[in-house]
N, C-alpha and C. Protein backbone atom coordinates (compact mmCIF):
# COMPACT_ATOMS: atom_id res chain seq x y z
N UNK A 1 93.13 170.63 48.20
CA UNK A 1 93.68 171.93 47.89
C UNK A 1 93.52 172.82 49.12
N UNK A 2 94.60 173.44 49.51
CA UNK A 2 94.54 174.26 50.73
C UNK A 2 93.99 175.66 50.44
N UNK A 3 93.73 176.36 51.50
CA UNK A 3 93.10 177.68 51.41
C UNK A 3 93.97 178.69 50.65
N UNK A 4 95.29 178.64 50.88
CA UNK A 4 96.21 179.56 50.20
C UNK A 4 96.17 179.33 48.69
N UNK A 5 96.18 178.06 48.28
CA UNK A 5 96.10 177.75 46.85
C UNK A 5 94.80 178.29 46.25
N UNK A 6 93.71 178.12 46.98
CA UNK A 6 92.42 178.61 46.48
C UNK A 6 92.43 180.14 46.34
N UNK A 7 93.06 180.82 47.26
CA UNK A 7 93.13 182.28 47.17
C UNK A 7 93.98 182.71 45.97
N UNK A 8 95.07 182.00 45.72
CA UNK A 8 95.92 182.28 44.56
C UNK A 8 95.12 182.08 43.28
N UNK A 9 94.39 180.98 43.22
CA UNK A 9 93.60 180.67 42.03
C UNK A 9 92.48 181.70 41.85
N UNK A 10 91.82 182.07 42.94
CA UNK A 10 90.75 183.06 42.88
C UNK A 10 91.26 184.38 42.32
N UNK A 11 92.41 184.81 42.82
CA UNK A 11 93.00 186.07 42.33
C UNK A 11 93.29 185.97 40.84
N UNK A 12 93.85 184.84 40.44
CA UNK A 12 94.17 184.62 39.04
C UNK A 12 92.89 184.61 38.19
N UNK A 13 91.83 183.99 38.67
CA UNK A 13 90.57 183.94 37.92
C UNK A 13 89.99 185.34 37.76
N UNK A 14 90.04 186.15 38.82
CA UNK A 14 89.56 187.53 38.71
C UNK A 14 90.33 188.29 37.63
N UNK A 15 91.65 188.07 37.57
CA UNK A 15 92.46 188.71 36.54
C UNK A 15 92.06 188.22 35.15
N UNK A 16 91.83 186.91 35.03
CA UNK A 16 91.42 186.33 33.75
C UNK A 16 90.04 186.85 33.33
N UNK A 17 89.14 186.99 34.31
CA UNK A 17 87.81 187.53 34.01
C UNK A 17 87.92 188.94 33.44
N UNK A 18 88.73 189.77 34.08
CA UNK A 18 88.89 191.14 33.61
C UNK A 18 89.52 191.18 32.22
N UNK A 19 90.54 190.38 32.02
CA UNK A 19 91.20 190.32 30.72
C UNK A 19 90.23 189.85 29.64
N UNK A 20 89.43 188.84 29.95
CA UNK A 20 88.47 188.30 28.99
C UNK A 20 87.39 189.34 28.68
N UNK A 21 86.93 190.05 29.69
CA UNK A 21 85.93 191.11 29.45
C UNK A 21 86.49 192.20 28.53
N UNK A 22 87.74 192.56 28.73
CA UNK A 22 88.37 193.57 27.87
C UNK A 22 88.50 193.06 26.44
N UNK A 23 88.87 191.79 26.30
CA UNK A 23 88.98 191.20 24.97
C UNK A 23 87.63 191.21 24.27
N UNK A 24 86.59 190.86 25.01
CA UNK A 24 85.25 190.84 24.43
C UNK A 24 84.86 192.24 23.95
N UNK A 25 85.13 193.24 24.76
CA UNK A 25 84.80 194.61 24.37
C UNK A 25 85.54 195.01 23.09
N UNK A 26 86.81 194.67 22.99
CA UNK A 26 87.59 194.99 21.79
C UNK A 26 87.07 194.24 20.58
N UNK A 27 86.76 192.97 20.77
CA UNK A 27 86.27 192.15 19.66
C UNK A 27 84.91 192.61 19.17
N UNK A 28 84.06 193.05 20.09
CA UNK A 28 82.74 193.53 19.69
C UNK A 28 82.86 194.72 18.75
N UNK A 29 83.87 195.54 18.93
CA UNK A 29 84.09 196.66 18.01
C UNK A 29 84.57 196.18 16.65
N UNK A 30 85.34 195.10 16.63
CA UNK A 30 85.90 194.59 15.37
C UNK A 30 84.90 193.83 14.52
N UNK A 31 83.80 193.38 15.11
CA UNK A 31 82.83 192.57 14.36
C UNK A 31 81.63 193.37 13.88
N UNK A 32 81.76 194.68 13.90
CA UNK A 32 80.69 195.53 13.39
C UNK A 32 80.50 195.25 11.90
N UNK A 33 79.28 195.38 11.40
CA UNK A 33 79.05 195.15 9.96
C UNK A 33 79.91 196.05 9.08
N UNK A 34 80.29 195.51 7.95
CA UNK A 34 81.10 196.25 6.99
C UNK A 34 80.15 196.83 5.95
N UNK A 35 80.11 198.13 5.88
CA UNK A 35 79.18 198.80 4.97
C UNK A 35 79.51 198.47 3.52
N UNK A 36 78.50 198.13 2.72
CA UNK A 36 78.77 197.77 1.31
C UNK A 36 79.26 198.96 0.48
N UNK A 37 78.97 200.16 0.92
CA UNK A 37 79.42 201.32 0.16
C UNK A 37 80.79 201.81 0.59
N UNK A 38 81.43 201.05 1.48
CA UNK A 38 82.75 201.43 1.96
C UNK A 38 83.76 201.29 0.81
N UNK A 39 84.39 202.36 0.42
CA UNK A 39 85.29 202.38 -0.74
C UNK A 39 86.69 201.93 -0.35
N UNK A 40 86.84 200.65 -0.04
CA UNK A 40 88.16 200.16 0.36
C UNK A 40 88.76 199.23 -0.69
N UNK A 41 88.06 199.04 -1.78
CA UNK A 41 88.57 198.16 -2.82
C UNK A 41 88.10 196.74 -2.61
N UNK A 42 88.02 196.00 -3.71
CA UNK A 42 87.46 194.66 -3.65
C UNK A 42 88.29 193.72 -2.79
N UNK A 43 89.60 193.67 -3.01
CA UNK A 43 90.46 192.77 -2.25
C UNK A 43 90.49 193.15 -0.77
N UNK A 44 90.62 194.43 -0.49
CA UNK A 44 90.63 194.88 0.89
C UNK A 44 89.31 194.55 1.58
N UNK A 45 88.22 194.67 0.85
CA UNK A 45 86.91 194.35 1.40
C UNK A 45 86.83 192.85 1.73
N UNK A 46 87.34 192.02 0.84
CA UNK A 46 87.36 190.56 1.08
C UNK A 46 88.21 190.24 2.31
N UNK A 47 89.34 190.91 2.45
CA UNK A 47 90.19 190.71 3.62
C UNK A 47 89.47 191.15 4.90
N UNK A 48 88.76 192.26 4.83
CA UNK A 48 88.02 192.76 5.98
C UNK A 48 86.92 191.78 6.38
N UNK A 49 86.24 191.18 5.40
CA UNK A 49 85.20 190.20 5.69
C UNK A 49 85.81 188.96 6.32
N UNK A 50 86.96 188.53 5.80
CA UNK A 50 87.66 187.37 6.38
C UNK A 50 88.09 187.63 7.81
N UNK A 51 88.64 188.80 8.06
CA UNK A 51 89.07 189.18 9.42
C UNK A 51 87.87 189.26 10.36
N UNK A 52 86.75 189.75 9.86
CA UNK A 52 85.53 189.86 10.67
C UNK A 52 85.08 188.46 11.09
N UNK A 53 85.14 187.52 10.18
CA UNK A 53 84.74 186.15 10.48
C UNK A 53 85.62 185.53 11.56
N UNK A 54 86.91 185.75 11.46
CA UNK A 54 87.85 185.25 12.47
C UNK A 54 87.57 185.90 13.82
N UNK A 55 87.33 187.20 13.81
CA UNK A 55 87.04 187.90 15.07
C UNK A 55 85.73 187.45 15.69
N UNK A 56 84.74 187.11 14.86
CA UNK A 56 83.46 186.60 15.39
C UNK A 56 83.67 185.27 16.10
N UNK A 57 84.49 184.42 15.51
CA UNK A 57 84.79 183.13 16.13
C UNK A 57 85.53 183.32 17.45
N UNK A 58 86.50 184.22 17.45
CA UNK A 58 87.26 184.51 18.67
C UNK A 58 86.35 185.10 19.74
N UNK A 59 85.42 185.95 19.34
CA UNK A 59 84.46 186.54 20.27
C UNK A 59 83.57 185.47 20.90
N UNK A 60 83.09 184.53 20.09
CA UNK A 60 82.27 183.42 20.61
C UNK A 60 83.04 182.63 21.67
N UNK A 61 84.29 182.31 21.36
CA UNK A 61 85.12 181.54 22.29
C UNK A 61 85.38 182.33 23.57
N UNK A 62 85.59 183.63 23.46
CA UNK A 62 85.84 184.47 24.64
C UNK A 62 84.60 184.52 25.53
N UNK A 63 83.43 184.61 24.92
CA UNK A 63 82.18 184.62 25.71
C UNK A 63 81.98 183.29 26.44
N UNK A 64 82.28 182.20 25.77
CA UNK A 64 82.17 180.88 26.41
C UNK A 64 83.15 180.78 27.57
N UNK A 65 84.38 181.23 27.35
CA UNK A 65 85.39 181.19 28.42
C UNK A 65 84.97 182.04 29.61
N UNK A 66 84.39 183.20 29.35
CA UNK A 66 83.93 184.07 30.42
C UNK A 66 82.90 183.35 31.30
N UNK A 67 81.97 182.66 30.67
CA UNK A 67 80.95 181.93 31.44
C UNK A 67 81.57 180.77 32.22
N UNK A 68 82.53 180.09 31.62
CA UNK A 68 83.21 178.99 32.32
C UNK A 68 83.98 179.51 33.52
N UNK A 69 84.66 180.63 33.36
CA UNK A 69 85.42 181.22 34.47
C UNK A 69 84.48 181.62 35.61
N UNK A 70 83.34 182.19 35.26
CA UNK A 70 82.36 182.54 36.30
C UNK A 70 81.89 181.29 37.03
N UNK A 71 81.69 180.21 36.29
CA UNK A 71 81.27 178.95 36.90
C UNK A 71 82.32 178.39 37.84
N UNK A 72 83.58 178.46 37.44
CA UNK A 72 84.67 177.97 38.29
C UNK A 72 84.73 178.78 39.57
N UNK A 73 84.58 180.08 39.46
CA UNK A 73 84.62 180.94 40.63
C UNK A 73 83.51 180.56 41.61
N UNK A 74 82.33 180.28 41.11
CA UNK A 74 81.22 179.87 41.97
C UNK A 74 81.49 178.49 42.58
N UNK A 75 82.04 177.58 41.78
CA UNK A 75 82.32 176.23 42.26
C UNK A 75 83.37 176.19 43.36
N UNK A 76 84.33 177.11 43.30
CA UNK A 76 85.42 177.10 44.27
C UNK A 76 84.89 177.17 45.71
N UNK A 77 83.89 177.97 45.93
CA UNK A 77 83.36 178.14 47.28
C UNK A 77 82.36 177.07 47.66
N UNK A 78 81.66 176.50 46.68
CA UNK A 78 80.59 175.56 46.96
C UNK A 78 81.03 174.10 46.91
N UNK A 79 82.04 173.80 46.12
CA UNK A 79 82.44 172.41 45.90
C UNK A 79 83.65 172.04 46.76
N UNK A 80 83.46 171.17 47.75
CA UNK A 80 84.60 170.78 48.60
C UNK A 80 85.65 169.96 47.84
N UNK A 81 85.27 169.41 46.69
CA UNK A 81 86.20 168.63 45.89
C UNK A 81 86.88 169.45 44.79
N UNK A 82 86.74 170.79 44.87
CA UNK A 82 87.39 171.62 43.87
C UNK A 82 88.89 171.36 43.90
N UNK A 83 89.49 171.18 42.74
CA UNK A 83 90.92 170.89 42.65
C UNK A 83 91.20 169.42 42.46
N UNK A 84 90.15 168.60 42.54
CA UNK A 84 90.29 167.17 42.26
C UNK A 84 89.74 166.89 40.87
N UNK A 85 90.41 166.01 40.16
CA UNK A 85 90.00 165.64 38.80
C UNK A 85 88.62 164.99 38.85
N UNK A 86 87.72 165.43 37.99
CA UNK A 86 86.37 164.87 37.94
C UNK A 86 86.38 163.43 37.45
N UNK A 87 87.41 163.04 36.73
CA UNK A 87 87.48 161.70 36.16
C UNK A 87 88.14 160.70 37.11
N UNK A 88 89.36 161.01 37.57
CA UNK A 88 90.13 160.04 38.37
C UNK A 88 90.16 160.36 39.86
N UNK A 89 89.78 161.58 40.23
CA UNK A 89 89.77 161.95 41.64
C UNK A 89 91.11 162.40 42.21
N UNK A 90 92.15 162.39 41.39
CA UNK A 90 93.47 162.85 41.84
C UNK A 90 93.53 164.37 41.82
N UNK A 91 94.52 164.93 42.54
CA UNK A 91 94.69 166.38 42.55
C UNK A 91 95.04 166.88 41.15
N UNK A 92 94.40 167.95 40.74
CA UNK A 92 94.77 168.64 39.51
C UNK A 92 95.90 169.58 39.91
N UNK A 93 97.05 169.50 39.24
CA UNK A 93 98.18 170.35 39.63
C UNK A 93 97.82 171.84 39.62
N UNK A 94 98.33 172.56 40.59
CA UNK A 94 98.06 173.99 40.72
C UNK A 94 98.43 174.74 39.43
N UNK A 95 99.53 174.35 38.82
CA UNK A 95 99.95 175.00 37.57
C UNK A 95 98.92 174.85 36.47
N UNK A 96 98.30 173.68 36.38
CA UNK A 96 97.26 173.47 35.37
C UNK A 96 96.05 174.33 35.66
N UNK A 97 95.65 174.39 36.92
CA UNK A 97 94.49 175.20 37.29
C UNK A 97 94.76 176.67 36.99
N UNK A 98 95.99 177.12 37.24
CA UNK A 98 96.32 178.52 36.95
C UNK A 98 96.34 178.77 35.44
N UNK A 99 96.82 177.80 34.68
CA UNK A 99 96.92 177.95 33.23
C UNK A 99 95.54 177.86 32.56
N UNK A 100 94.74 176.88 33.00
CA UNK A 100 93.42 176.65 32.42
C UNK A 100 92.42 176.48 33.57
N UNK A 101 92.05 177.58 34.23
CA UNK A 101 91.21 177.46 35.42
C UNK A 101 89.86 176.82 35.16
N UNK A 102 89.36 176.88 33.93
CA UNK A 102 88.06 176.30 33.66
C UNK A 102 88.10 174.78 33.48
N UNK A 103 89.31 174.21 33.45
CA UNK A 103 89.45 172.77 33.33
C UNK A 103 89.28 172.11 34.68
N UNK A 104 88.49 171.07 34.74
CA UNK A 104 88.25 170.37 36.00
C UNK A 104 88.87 168.97 35.99
N UNK A 105 89.74 168.71 35.00
CA UNK A 105 90.39 167.41 34.92
C UNK A 105 91.91 167.56 34.84
N UNK A 106 92.60 166.53 35.30
CA UNK A 106 94.06 166.51 35.18
C UNK A 106 94.41 166.34 33.69
N UNK A 107 95.65 166.53 33.36
CA UNK A 107 96.09 166.47 31.96
C UNK A 107 95.82 165.10 31.36
N UNK A 108 96.14 164.04 32.09
CA UNK A 108 95.98 162.68 31.57
C UNK A 108 94.52 162.39 31.24
N UNK A 109 93.61 162.75 32.13
CA UNK A 109 92.19 162.49 31.88
C UNK A 109 91.63 163.39 30.79
N UNK A 110 92.06 164.64 30.77
CA UNK A 110 91.57 165.57 29.74
C UNK A 110 92.01 165.11 28.36
N UNK A 111 93.22 164.51 28.27
CA UNK A 111 93.74 164.04 26.99
C UNK A 111 92.88 162.91 26.41
N UNK A 112 92.21 162.16 27.26
CA UNK A 112 91.34 161.08 26.78
C UNK A 112 90.16 161.61 25.97
N UNK A 113 89.74 162.83 26.26
CA UNK A 113 88.55 163.38 25.62
C UNK A 113 88.85 164.32 24.47
N UNK A 114 90.11 164.53 24.18
CA UNK A 114 90.46 165.44 23.08
C UNK A 114 90.67 164.71 21.80
């Protein structure tokens, strides 16, 4: 992977980091406890609890992605093999890295583990 590609990916990762941080902040507001004395009706309360559960799951995934993105950013400068598939050693296409920067495998190898 050449230097220009790495700079493009780095810029993209910084954008993804910022977007993920904003999502986390929004989700943290949505997962606040629902007060039992909140007069929203039984069905509405059940819907609010269901939505809270979904948002908690999304928040967990966003936090994991944030840590993975930070790891990729650190690896880019330290790992001379960045951009090569960890499984087969072939180049990971630039489009895949831009789409899923935390993935360190090509599509074919990643599909083996899904």
